[in-house]
Amino acid sequence: MKVIDEAMDQCLLCIDYAFDQDSPSTRETSLRRLQPGVRQKEWWRYQHAYLGLRTLVAYEGPRPVGHIEFMPIEHAPRPVAGHNLAFVNCLYVTPQARGRGVGTGLLEAAERQVRERADGMAVLARWSGPTLPAHFFIESGFQPVGSRQGEALLSKPFRRASSPHFLPVRLVPRAAEDRIPVDFFHCPQCPYSGWVLHKLQREGQLDAPDVDLRLYDIGERQAIELWGVSNSVYIDGRPTGSVPLNLLEIEQGLAQARAARRPA
């Protein structure tokens, strides 16, 4: 396995692209299915590259099998704060390559790059589910420093370093009304956010007469600090979805909100 600084294959890995059938036309077709999320991701990546954003991709032979994205925590697209730490935005390994040390290799490669210029690393992981599993990072030397809504804030200091912490949530969730209040926090760092938003709007689920939608673009760090929320959808005041956003969970949340408003 080799790990190189390469961002072009990142979105393809996220959608489990069949690299064994790789060609310009199949790449274009596959990426088109995730639009406009891919275009938004490319623009976000372009804007944040000068802030220290890095993407490493692991290859087995010519085939990409995983990636890790990291940047200084001061610019992280998540509701966390800290000083002189490298924050892992995402780490993904294809299902076929899991259990072969790819994730460990990516994390170690990222650590080698940041060890000389940062005091440690941090990640916002999840206690359950396949996305950024907390147990993987803990086994790799990370320590829990906080927990909120099923997410674990973990830290791995290289030397004396201040611990990261959650930003305070400043959003006041809207209570249930006649219309369904939906607060959609769209973060272009994850291409699924743009795809989910576009699909729900195209299908009329967010533009329906019974929905009161408020859309928040949190592509910039200032917006995340303002609200203390990232990559979340609130329906009837309750957080719905995960990172990456899950279309089915949001659809189920809307269905439950509509069912609660039907006359008994």
C-alpha atoms as a PDB file:
ATOM      1  CA  MET A   1       0.000   0.000   0.000  1.00  0.00           C
ATOM      2  CA  LYS A   2       1.211   3.502  -0.817  1.00  0.00           C
ATOM      3  CA  VAL A   3      -0.210   6.772   0.526  1.00  0.00           C
ATOM      4  CA  ILE A   4       0.126   9.985  -1.473  1.00  0.00           C
ATOM      5  CA  ASP A   5      -1.267  13.506  -1.343  1.00  0.00           C
ATOM      6  CA  GLU A   6      -4.011  13.234  -3.958  1.00  0.00           C
ATOM      7  CA  ALA A   7      -7.445  14.852  -3.783  1.00  0.00           C
ATOM      8  CA  MET A   8      -8.888  13.888  -7.180  1.00  0.00           C
ATOM      9  CA  ASP A   9     -10.050  10.408  -6.117  1.00  0.00           C
ATOM     10  CA  GLN A  10     -11.585  11.463  -2.805  1.00  0.00           C
ATOM     11  CA  CYS A  11     -15.211  11.918  -3.927  1.00  0.00           C
ATOM     12  CA  LEU A  12     -15.083   8.722  -5.991  1.00  0.00           C
ATOM     13  CA  LEU A  13     -14.038   6.798  -2.899  1.00  0.00           C
ATOM     14  CA  CYS A  14     -16.925   8.285  -0.933  1.00  0.00           C
ATOM     15  CA  ILE A  15     -19.468   6.889  -3.410  1.00  0.00           C
ATOM     16  CA  ASP A  16     -17.756   3.469  -3.614  1.00  0.00           C
ATOM     17  CA  TYR A  17     -16.847   3.974  -7.265  1.00  0.00           C
ATOM     18  CA  ALA A  18     -15.937   0.778  -9.144  1.00  0.00           C
ATOM     19  CA  PHE A  19     -12.288   1.567  -9.892  1.00  0.00           C
ATOM     20  CA  ASP A  20     -11.903  -1.788 -11.649  1.00  0.00           C
ATOM     21  CA  GLN A  21     -14.163  -0.353 -14.374  1.00  0.00           C
ATOM     22  CA  ASP A  22     -12.463   3.052 -14.418  1.00  0.00           C
ATOM     23  CA  SER A  23     -12.711   5.246 -17.494  1.00  0.00           C
ATOM     24  CA  PRO A  24     -13.320   8.957 -18.152  1.00  0.00           C
ATOM     25  CA  SER A  25     -16.961   8.344 -19.063  1.00  0.00           C
ATOM     26  CA  THR A  26     -17.758   6.170 -16.045  1.00  0.00           C
ATOM     27  CA  ARG A  27     -16.076   8.697 -13.745  1.00  0.00           C
ATOM     28  CA  GLU A  28     -18.156  11.508 -15.209  1.00  0.00           C
ATOM     29  CA  THR A  29     -21.374   9.508 -14.915  1.00  0.00           C
ATOM     30  CA  SER A  30     -20.678   8.487 -11.315  1.00  0.00           C
ATOM     31  CA  LEU A  31     -19.739  11.979 -10.159  1.00  0.00           C
ATOM     32  CA  ARG A  32     -22.790  13.444 -11.887  1.00  0.00           C
ATOM     33  CA  ARG A  33     -25.016  11.364  -9.601  1.00  0.00           C
ATOM     34  CA  LEU A  34     -23.602  13.206  -6.571  1.00  0.00           C
ATOM     35  CA  GLN A  35     -24.042  16.710  -7.970  1.00  0.00           C
ATOM     36  CA  PRO A  36     -24.177  19.480  -6.928  1.00  0.00           C
ATOM     37  CA  GLY A  37     -22.317  18.127  -3.903  1.00  0.00           C
ATOM     38  CA  VAL A  38     -19.123  17.380  -5.837  1.00  0.00           C
ATOM     39  CA  ARG A  39     -18.891  20.897  -7.314  1.00  0.00           C
ATOM     40  CA  GLN A  40     -19.496  22.402  -3.893  1.00  0.00           C
ATOM     41  CA  LYS A  41     -16.835  20.137  -2.374  1.00  0.00           C
ATOM     42  CA  GLU A  42     -14.296  21.125  -5.049  1.00  0.00           C
ATOM     43  CA  TRP A  43     -14.942  24.807  -4.407  1.00  0.00           C
ATOM     44  CA  TRP A  44     -14.702  24.364  -0.630  1.00  0.00           C
ATOM     45  CA  ARG A  45     -11.450  22.421  -1.040  1.00  0.00           C
ATOM     46  CA  TYR A  46     -10.040  25.151  -3.303  1.00  0.00           C
ATOM     47  CA  GLN A  47     -10.921  27.862  -0.758  1.00  0.00           C
ATOM     48  CA  HIS A  48      -9.389  25.976   2.179  1.00  0.00           C
ATOM     49  CA  ALA A  49      -6.225  24.568   0.612  1.00  0.00           C
ATOM     50  CA  TYR A  50      -4.222  27.645   1.636  1.00  0.00           C
ATOM     51  CA  LEU A  51      -5.449  27.194   5.222  1.00  0.00           C
ATOM     52  CA  GLY A  52      -3.641  23.875   5.528  1.00  0.00           C
ATOM     53  CA  LEU A  53      -6.245  21.422   4.191  1.00  0.00           C
ATOM     54  CA  ARG A  54      -4.627  18.123   3.168  1.00  0.00           C
ATOM     55  CA  THR A  55      -6.000  14.935   1.624  1.00  0.00           C
ATOM     56  CA  LEU A  56      -4.090  11.648   1.558  1.00  0.00           C
ATOM     57  CA  VAL A  57      -5.272   8.700  -0.526  1.00  0.00           C
ATOM     58  CA  ALA A  58      -4.193   5.087   0.014  1.00  0.00           C
ATOM     59  CA  TYR A  59      -3.622   2.867  -3.019  1.00  0.00           C
ATOM     60  CA  GLU A  60      -3.281  -0.874  -3.398  1.00  0.00           C
ATOM     61  CA  GLY A  61      -1.610  -1.112  -6.766  1.00  0.00           C
ATOM     62  CA  PRO A  62      -3.357   1.452  -9.005  1.00  0.00           C
ATOM     63  CA  ARG A  63      -6.631   1.297  -7.085  1.00  0.00           C
ATOM     64  CA  PRO A  64      -7.581   3.865  -4.390  1.00  0.00           C
ATOM     65  CA  VAL A  65      -8.876   2.128  -1.253  1.00  0.00           C
ATOM     66  CA  GLY A  66      -9.249   4.936   1.288  1.00  0.00           C
ATOM     67  CA  HIS A  67      -8.604   8.564   2.139  1.00  0.00           C
ATOM     68  CA  ILE A  68      -8.061  10.876   5.085  1.00  0.00           C
ATOM     69  CA  GLU A  69      -8.674  14.625   5.147  1.00  0.00           C
ATOM     70  CA  PHE A  70      -7.242  16.885   7.840  1.00  0.00           C
ATOM     71  CA  MET A  71      -6.489  20.535   8.552  1.00  0.00           C
ATOM     72  CA  PRO A  72      -5.706  22.894  11.462  1.00  0.00           C
ATOM     73  CA  ILE A  73      -8.498  22.743  14.034  1.00  0.00           C
ATOM     74  CA  GLU A  74      -8.751  26.554  13.948  1.00  0.00           C
ATOM     75  CA  HIS A  75     -10.391  26.151  10.494  1.00  0.00           C
ATOM     76  CA  ALA A  76     -12.201  22.835  11.050  1.00  0.00           C
ATOM     77  CA  PRO A  77     -15.685  22.424   9.501  1.00  0.00           C
ATOM     78  CA  ARG A  78     -17.036  20.959  12.749  1.00  0.00           C
ATOM     79  CA  PRO A  79     -18.297  22.594  15.981  1.00  0.00           C
ATOM     80  CA  VAL A  80     -15.020  22.129  17.871  1.00  0.00           C
ATOM     81  CA  ALA A  81     -12.214  24.459  18.909  1.00  0.00           C
ATOM     82  CA  GLY A  82      -8.607  24.107  19.979  1.00  0.00           C
ATOM     83  CA  HIS A  83      -5.099  25.384  19.383  1.00  0.00           C
ATOM     84  CA  ASN A  84      -2.301  24.023  17.207  1.00  0.00           C
ATOM     85  CA  LEU A  85      -3.963  20.662  16.613  1.00  0.00           C
ATOM     86  CA  ALA A  86      -4.531  18.841  13.338  1.00  0.00           C
ATOM     87  CA  PHE A  87      -8.215  17.979  13.017  1.00  0.00           C
ATOM     88  CA  VAL A  88      -9.353  14.919  11.034  1.00  0.00           C
ATOM     89  CA  ASN A  89     -12.360  15.979   8.968  1.00  0.00           C
ATOM     90  CA  CYS A  90     -12.986  12.499   7.596  1.00  0.00           C
ATOM     91  CA  LEU A  91     -11.398   9.103   7.157  1.00  0.00           C
ATOM     92  CA  TYR A  92     -12.923   6.514   4.838  1.00  0.00           C
ATOM     93  CA  VAL A  93     -11.909   3.024   3.712  1.00  0.00           C
ATOM     94  CA  THR A  94     -13.796   1.103   1.029  1.00  0.00           C
ATOM     95  CA  PRO A  95     -15.768  -1.892   2.354  1.00  0.00           C
ATOM     96  CA  GLN A  96     -13.633  -4.305   0.314  1.00  0.00           C
ATOM     97  CA  ALA A  97     -10.389  -3.035   1.908  1.00  0.00           C
ATOM     98  CA  ARG A  98     -11.467  -2.898   5.548  1.00  0.00           C
ATOM     99  CA  GLY A  99      -9.622  -5.010   8.071  1.00  0.00           C
ATOM    100  CA  ARG A 100      -6.330  -4.805   6.177  1.00  0.00           C
ATOM    101  CA  GLY A 101      -4.736  -1.874   8.004  1.00  0.00           C
ATOM    102  CA  VAL A 102      -5.647   0.796   5.447  1.00  0.00           C
ATOM    103  CA  GLY A 103      -7.225   3.126   8.009  1.00  0.00           C
ATOM    104  CA  THR A 104      -4.276   2.725  10.346  1.00  0.00           C
ATOM    105  CA  GLY A 105      -1.844   3.411   7.506  1.00  0.00           C
ATOM    106  CA  LEU A 106      -3.692   6.596   6.527  1.00  0.00           C
ATOM    107  CA  LEU A 107      -3.825   7.850  10.103  1.00  0.00           C
ATOM    108  CA  GLU A 108      -0.133   7.156  10.644  1.00  0.00           C
ATOM    109  CA  ALA A 109       0.763   8.932   7.390  1.00  0.00           C
ATOM    110  CA  ALA A 110      -1.244  11.979   8.442  1.00  0.00           C
ATOM    111  CA  GLU A 111       0.398  11.950  11.863  1.00  0.00           C
ATOM    112  CA  ARG A 112       3.874  11.916  10.311  1.00  0.00           C
ATOM    113  CA  GLN A 113       3.004  14.986   8.265  1.00  0.00           C
ATOM    114  CA  VAL A 114       1.647  17.040  11.148  1.00  0.00           C
ATOM    115  CA  ARG A 115       3.811  15.891  14.073  1.00  0.00           C
ATOM    116  CA  GLU A 116       6.569  18.492  13.539  1.00  0.00           C
ATOM    117  CA  ARG A 117       4.234  21.476  13.208  1.00  0.00           C
ATOM    118  CA  ALA A 118       1.327  20.607  15.523  1.00  0.00           C
ATOM    119  CA  ASP A 119       1.018  19.648  19.185  1.00  0.00           C
ATOM    120  CA  GLY A 120      -1.392  16.808  18.498  1.00  0.00           C
ATOM    121  CA  MET A 121      -4.433  15.587  16.577  1.00  0.00           C
ATOM    122  CA  ALA A 122      -8.164  15.637  17.223  1.00  0.00           C
ATOM    123  CA  VAL A 123     -11.264  14.089  15.656  1.00  0.00           C
ATOM    124  CA  LEU A 124     -15.012  14.184  16.154  1.00  0.00           C
ATOM    125  CA  ALA A 125     -15.847  10.477  15.986  1.00  0.00           C
ATOM    126  CA  ARG A 126     -19.019   8.461  16.553  1.00  0.00           C
ATOM    127  CA  TRP A 127     -19.729   5.978  19.317  1.00  0.00           C
ATOM    128  CA  SER A 128     -21.724   3.797  16.923  1.00  0.00           C
ATOM    129  CA  GLY A 129     -21.892   3.266  13.168  1.00  0.00           C
ATOM    130  CA  PRO A 130     -19.246   2.801  10.447  1.00  0.00           C
ATOM    131  CA  THR A 131     -18.393   6.477   9.965  1.00  0.00           C
ATOM    132  CA  LEU A 132     -15.346   7.678  11.939  1.00  0.00           C
ATOM    133  CA  PRO A 133     -15.775   4.979  14.625  1.00  0.00           C
ATOM    134  CA  ALA A 134     -14.541   6.132  18.023  1.00  0.00           C
ATOM    135  CA  HIS A 135     -13.146   2.710  18.947  1.00  0.00           C
ATOM    136  CA  PHE A 136     -10.749   2.814  15.982  1.00  0.00           C
ATOM    137  CA  PHE A 137      -9.236   6.120  17.044  1.00  0.00           C
ATOM    138  CA  ILE A 138      -9.057   5.094  20.702  1.00  0.00           C
ATOM    139  CA  GLU A 139      -7.152   1.967  19.677  1.00  0.00           C
ATOM    140  CA  SER A 140      -4.811   4.293  17.753  1.00  0.00           C
ATOM    141  CA  GLY A 141      -3.945   6.289  20.874  1.00  0.00           C
ATOM    142  CA  PHE A 142      -6.676   8.942  20.930  1.00  0.00           C
ATOM    143  CA  GLN A 143      -8.298   9.857  24.251  1.00  0.00           C
ATOM    144  CA  PRO A 144     -11.920  10.942  24.849  1.00  0.00           C
ATOM    145  CA  VAL A 145     -12.195  14.551  26.002  1.00  0.00           C
ATOM    146  CA  GLY A 146     -15.920  15.167  25.423  1.00  0.00           C
ATOM    147  CA  SER A 147     -19.161  13.715  24.107  1.00  0.00           C
ATOM    148  CA  ARG A 148     -22.303  15.240  22.622  1.00  0.00           C
ATOM    149  CA  GLN A 149     -25.308  13.753  20.769  1.00  0.00           C
ATOM    150  CA  GLY A 150     -23.608  10.445  20.032  1.00  0.00           C
ATOM    151  CA  GLU A 151     -20.332  12.030  18.939  1.00  0.00           C
ATOM    152  CA  ALA A 152     -17.018  11.637  20.754  1.00  0.00           C
ATOM    153  CA  LEU A 153     -14.415  14.391  20.731  1.00  0.00           C
ATOM    154  CA  LEU A 154     -11.057  12.618  20.848  1.00  0.00           C
ATOM    155  CA  SER A 155      -7.519  13.948  21.158  1.00  0.00           C
ATOM    156  CA  LYS A 156      -4.027  12.546  20.692  1.00  0.00           C
ATOM    157  CA  PRO A 157      -1.355  14.895  22.067  1.00  0.00           C
ATOM    158  CA  PHE A 158       2.196  14.604  20.744  1.00  0.00           C
ATOM    159  CA  ARG A 159       3.536  16.822  23.541  1.00  0.00           C
ATOM    160  CA  ARG A 160       1.986  19.247  25.994  1.00  0.00           C
ATOM    161  CA  ALA A 161      -1.150  20.477  24.292  1.00  0.00           C
ATOM    162  CA  SER A 162      -4.403  22.057  25.334  1.00  0.00           C
ATOM    163  CA  SER A 163      -7.426  19.794  24.932  1.00  0.00           C
ATOM    164  CA  PRO A 164      -9.961  20.551  22.196  1.00  0.00           C
ATOM    165  CA  HIS A 165     -13.533  21.314  23.200  1.00  0.00           C
ATOM    166  CA  PHE A 166     -16.993  21.612  21.706  1.00  0.00           C
ATOM    167  CA  LEU A 167     -18.249  24.999  20.605  1.00  0.00           C
ATOM    168  CA  PRO A 168     -21.384  26.056  22.502  1.00  0.00           C
ATOM    169  CA  VAL A 169     -24.609  25.404  20.604  1.00  0.00           C
ATOM    170  CA  ARG A 170     -26.171  28.806  19.993  1.00  0.00           C
ATOM    171  CA  LEU A 171     -29.031  27.569  17.840  1.00  0.00           C
ATOM    172  CA  VAL A 172     -32.389  27.758  19.593  1.00  0.00           C
ATOM    173  CA  PRO A 173     -34.362  24.868  18.067  1.00  0.00           C
ATOM    174  CA  ARG A 174     -37.795  25.884  16.863  1.00  0.00           C
ATOM    175  CA  ALA A 175     -40.713  24.169  18.555  1.00  0.00           C
ATOM    176  CA  ALA A 176     -43.322  22.195  16.632  1.00  0.00           C
ATOM    177  CA  GLU A 177     -45.913  24.399  14.928  1.00  0.00           C
ATOM    178  CA  ASP A 178     -48.645  23.905  12.346  1.00  0.00           C
ATOM    179  CA  ARG A 179     -45.946  23.905   9.682  1.00  0.00           C
ATOM    180  CA  ILE A 180     -42.927  21.651  10.154  1.00  0.00           C
ATOM    181  CA  PRO A 181     -39.883  23.757  11.117  1.00  0.00           C
ATOM    182  CA  VAL A 182     -36.766  22.460   9.367  1.00  0.00           C
ATOM    183  CA  ASP A 183     -33.348  23.981  10.075  1.00  0.00           C
ATOM    184  CA  PHE A 184     -30.903  22.609   7.488  1.00  0.00           C
ATOM    185  CA  PHE A 185     -27.216  23.283   8.168  1.00  0.00           C
ATOM    186  CA  HIS A 186     -25.476  22.641   4.849  1.00  0.00           C
ATOM    187  CA  CYS A 187     -21.703  22.116   4.939  1.00  0.00           C
ATOM    188  CA  PRO A 188     -20.065  21.841   1.467  1.00  0.00           C
ATOM    189  CA  GLN A 189     -17.040  20.094   2.995  1.00  0.00           C
ATOM    190  CA  CYS A 190     -19.039  16.857   2.612  1.00  0.00           C
ATOM    191  CA  PRO A 191     -20.420  16.255  -0.907  1.00  0.00           C
ATOM    192  CA  TYR A 192     -23.332  14.278   0.527  1.00  0.00           C
ATOM    193  CA  SER A 193     -24.668  17.430   2.196  1.00  0.00           C
ATOM    194  CA  GLY A 194     -25.184  19.185  -1.127  1.00  0.00           C
ATOM    195  CA  TRP A 195     -26.569  16.055  -2.763  1.00  0.00           C
ATOM    196  CA  VAL A 196     -29.071  15.395   0.043  1.00  0.00           C
ATOM    197  CA  LEU A 197     -30.222  19.033   0.071  1.00  0.00           C
ATOM    198  CA  HIS A 198     -30.652  19.118  -3.708  1.00  0.00           C
ATOM    199  CA  LYS A 199     -32.522  15.806  -3.807  1.00  0.00           C
ATOM    200  CA  LEU A 200     -34.945  16.818  -1.054  1.00  0.00           C
ATOM    201  CA  GLN A 201     -35.604  20.149  -2.780  1.00  0.00           C
ATOM    202  CA  ARG A 202     -35.993  18.542  -6.214  1.00  0.00           C
ATOM    203  CA  GLU A 203     -38.526  16.064  -4.839  1.00  0.00           C
ATOM    204  CA  GLY A 204     -40.455  18.887  -3.172  1.00  0.00           C
ATOM    205  CA  GLN A 205     -39.984  17.569   0.364  1.00  0.00           C
ATOM    206  CA  LEU A 206     -38.459  20.807   1.659  1.00  0.00           C
ATOM    207  CA  ASP A 207     -40.528  23.159  -0.508  1.00  0.00           C
ATOM    208  CA  ALA A 208     -43.857  21.626   0.513  1.00  0.00           C
ATOM    209  CA  PRO A 209     -46.583  23.939   1.882  1.00  0.00           C
ATOM    210  CA  ASP A 210     -46.392  22.230   5.295  1.00  0.00           C
ATOM    211  CA  VAL A 211     -42.622  22.848   5.704  1.00  0.00           C
ATOM    212  CA  ASP A 212     -41.002  26.018   7.054  1.00  0.00           C
ATOM    213  CA  LEU A 213     -37.401  25.682   5.841  1.00  0.00           C
ATOM    214  CA  ARG A 214     -34.469  27.741   7.085  1.00  0.00           C
ATOM    215  CA  LEU A 215     -31.252  26.979   5.227  1.00  0.00           C
ATOM    216  CA  TYR A 216     -27.876  27.777   6.787  1.00  0.00           C
ATOM    217  CA  ASP A 217     -24.688  27.698   4.695  1.00  0.00           C
ATOM    218  CA  ILE A 218     -21.869  26.820   7.073  1.00  0.00           C
ATOM    219  CA  GLY A 219     -19.092  26.508   4.533  1.00  0.00           C
ATOM    220  CA  GLU A 220     -17.070  29.111   6.395  1.00  0.00           C
ATOM    221  CA  ARG A 221     -15.666  28.716   9.895  1.00  0.00           C
ATOM    222  CA  GLN A 222     -17.326  31.924  11.083  1.00  0.00           C
ATOM    223  CA  ALA A 223     -20.777  30.438  10.486  1.00  0.00           C
ATOM    224  CA  ILE A 224     -19.937  27.315  12.492  1.00  0.00           C
ATOM    225  CA  GLU A 225     -18.693  29.447  15.380  1.00  0.00           C
ATOM    226  CA  LEU A 226     -21.849  31.568  15.164  1.00  0.00           C
ATOM    227  CA  TRP A 227     -24.246  28.625  15.542  1.00  0.00           C
ATOM    228  CA  GLY A 228     -22.142  25.880  17.127  1.00  0.00           C
ATOM    229  CA  VAL A 229     -23.694  23.426  14.668  1.00  0.00           C
ATOM    230  CA  SER A 230     -22.376  21.654  11.585  1.00  0.00           C
ATOM    231  CA  ASN A 231     -23.813  19.130   9.115  1.00  0.00           C
ATOM    232  CA  SER A 232     -27.123  18.809  10.927  1.00  0.00           C
ATOM    233  CA  VAL A 233     -30.812  18.933  10.129  1.00  0.00           C
ATOM    234  CA  TYR A 234     -33.294  19.871  12.849  1.00  0.00           C
ATOM    235  CA  ILE A 235     -36.918  18.795  12.334  1.00  0.00           C
ATOM    236  CA  ASP A 236     -39.455  19.969  14.902  1.00  0.00           C
ATOM    237  CA  GLY A 237     -36.492  21.106  16.992  1.00  0.00           C
ATOM    238  CA  ARG A 238     -34.861  17.671  17.092  1.00  0.00           C
ATOM    239  CA  PRO A 239     -31.517  16.919  15.397  1.00  0.00           C
ATOM    240  CA  THR A 240     -31.878  14.449  12.552  1.00  0.00           C
ATOM    241  CA  GLY A 241     -29.185  12.866  10.417  1.00  0.00           C
ATOM    242  CA  SER A 242     -25.523  12.057  10.889  1.00  0.00           C
ATOM    243  CA  VAL A 243     -22.168  12.769   9.275  1.00  0.00           C
ATOM    244  CA  PRO A 244     -22.359  12.272   6.386  1.00  0.00           C
ATOM    245  CA  LEU A 245     -26.000  13.303   6.221  1.00  0.00           C
ATOM    246  CA  ASN A 246     -28.295  10.321   5.807  1.00  0.00           C
ATOM    247  CA  LEU A 247     -31.121  10.904   3.321  1.00  0.00           C
ATOM    248  CA  LEU A 248     -33.281   8.108   4.728  1.00  0.00           C
ATOM    249  CA  GLU A 249     -33.045   9.432   8.298  1.00  0.00           C
ATOM    250  CA  ILE A 250     -34.160  12.899   7.170  1.00  0.00           C
ATOM    251  CA  GLU A 251     -37.037  11.490   5.101  1.00  0.00           C
ATOM    252  CA  GLN A 252     -38.147   9.434   8.094  1.00  0.00           C
ATOM    253  CA  GLY A 253     -37.969  12.514  10.316  1.00  0.00           C
ATOM    254  CA  LEU A 254     -40.205  14.452   7.920  1.00  0.00           C
ATOM    255  CA  ALA A 255     -42.641  11.530   7.716  1.00  0.00           C
ATOM    256  CA  GLN A 256     -42.853  11.305  11.507  1.00  0.00           C
ATOM    257  CA  ALA A 257     -43.439  15.052  11.772  1.00  0.00           C
ATOM    258  CA  ARG A 258     -46.272  14.839   9.247  1.00  0.00           C
ATOM    259  CA  ALA A 259     -47.795  11.832  10.990  1.00  0.00           C
ATOM    260  CA  ALA A 260     -47.815  13.712  14.295  1.00  0.00           C
ATOM    261  CA  ARG A 261     -49.900  16.473  12.683  1.00  0.00           C
ATOM    262  CA  ARG A 262     -52.608  14.228  11.242  1.00  0.00           C
ATOM    263  CA  PRO A 263     -55.922  14.342  13.086  1.00  0.00           C
ATOM    264  CA  ALA A 264     -56.422  11.362  15.379  1.00  0.00           C
END
